[in-house]
Amino acid sequence: MTELYVYYKLESRHTARLREIAARFPEVRLLRKDGDAQPPTWMEIHIGPQAEASERALAQALAGLISGPRHVERFQPA
């Protein structure tokens, strides 16, 4: 089962909106990089059979809020 790790920059002024949107995806873990400079780096972790679908849906919902590209890394269990 593939796990997706997605990271991107998001201006602090959009934090409340990000959390509001992410709350619609309870299966996704949302993390913020500790001690990061501005704008901070955020990470989404998508696991399970709907990982690809939730990643696409969340990317679409966050379009226009993110500063720069979304980086998607795919991992498989060893």
Protein backbone atom coordinates (compact mmCIF):
# COMPACT_ATOMS: atom_id res chain seq x y z
CA MET A 1 0.00 0.00 0.00
CA THR A 2 1.51 3.31 -1.10
CA GLU A 3 2.01 6.12 1.40
CA LEU A 4 2.18 9.69 0.14
CA TYR A 5 4.22 12.41 1.83
CA VAL A 6 3.40 15.86 0.47
CA TYR A 7 5.21 19.01 1.51
CA TYR A 8 4.89 22.66 0.56
CA LYS A 9 5.24 26.23 1.83
CA LEU A 10 2.20 28.13 3.07
CA GLU A 11 2.12 31.73 4.26
CA SER A 12 1.15 31.99 7.94
CA ARG A 13 -1.85 34.13 7.09
CA HIS A 14 -3.41 31.04 5.42
CA THR A 15 -2.95 28.71 8.42
CA ALA A 16 -6.56 28.92 9.63
CA ARG A 17 -7.87 28.22 6.13
CA LEU A 18 -5.49 25.26 5.72
CA ARG A 19 -6.69 23.73 8.99
CA GLU A 20 -10.31 24.31 8.04
CA ILE A 21 -9.80 22.53 4.70
CA ALA A 22 -7.68 19.73 6.20
CA ALA A 23 -10.42 19.02 8.77
CA ARG A 24 -12.52 17.70 5.86
CA PHE A 25 -9.89 14.96 5.40
CA PRO A 26 -9.69 13.17 8.79
CA GLU A 27 -7.65 10.33 7.27
CA VAL A 28 -4.79 12.75 6.43
CA ARG A 29 -2.17 13.75 8.99
CA LEU A 30 -1.13 17.40 8.78
CA LEU A 31 2.24 18.47 10.20
CA ARG A 32 4.19 21.71 10.35
CA LYS A 33 8.00 21.70 10.27
CA ASP A 34 9.40 22.58 13.66
CA GLY A 35 11.42 25.79 13.83
CA ASP A 36 11.01 26.54 10.14
CA ALA A 37 11.49 30.05 8.78
CA GLN A 38 8.69 31.98 7.11
CA PRO A 39 6.79 30.79 5.24
CA PRO A 40 6.67 27.51 7.14
CA THR A 41 6.80 24.09 5.51
CA TRP A 42 3.73 21.89 5.91
CA MET A 43 3.43 18.14 5.31
CA GLU A 44 0.45 15.95 4.60
CA ILE A 45 0.68 12.20 5.12
CA HIS A 46 -1.79 10.14 3.10
CA ILE A 47 -2.04 6.43 3.98
CA GLY A 48 -4.52 3.78 2.98
CA PRO A 49 -6.51 2.74 -0.07
CA GLN A 50 -7.74 6.30 -0.68
CA ALA A 51 -4.30 7.95 -0.42
CA GLU A 52 -4.09 8.97 -4.08
CA ALA A 53 -7.67 10.26 -4.13
CA SER A 54 -7.31 12.26 -0.91
CA GLU A 55 -4.03 13.77 -2.14
CA ARG A 56 -5.65 14.96 -5.37
CA ALA A 57 -8.72 16.32 -3.57
CA LEU A 58 -6.67 18.18 -0.97
CA ALA A 59 -4.35 19.59 -3.65
CA GLN A 60 -7.36 20.96 -5.50
CA ALA A 61 -8.87 22.41 -2.31
CA LEU A 62 -5.59 24.17 -1.45
CA ALA A 63 -4.95 25.56 -4.93
CA GLY A 64 -4.13 29.25 -4.69
CA LEU A 65 -3.10 29.11 -1.02
CA ILE A 66 0.26 27.38 -1.36
CA SER A 67 3.48 29.33 -1.99
CA GLY A 68 5.31 27.42 -4.73
CA PRO A 69 4.97 23.77 -5.74
CA ARG A 70 3.55 20.78 -3.86
CA HIS A 71 6.21 18.08 -3.61
CA VAL A 72 4.76 14.57 -3.58
CA GLU A 73 6.90 11.61 -2.47
CA ARG A 74 5.53 8.06 -2.76
CA PHE A 75 6.75 5.27 -0.49
CA GLN A 76 5.98 1.55 -0.36
CA PRO A 77 6.39 -0.71 2.67
CA ALA A 78 9.65 -2.63 2.66
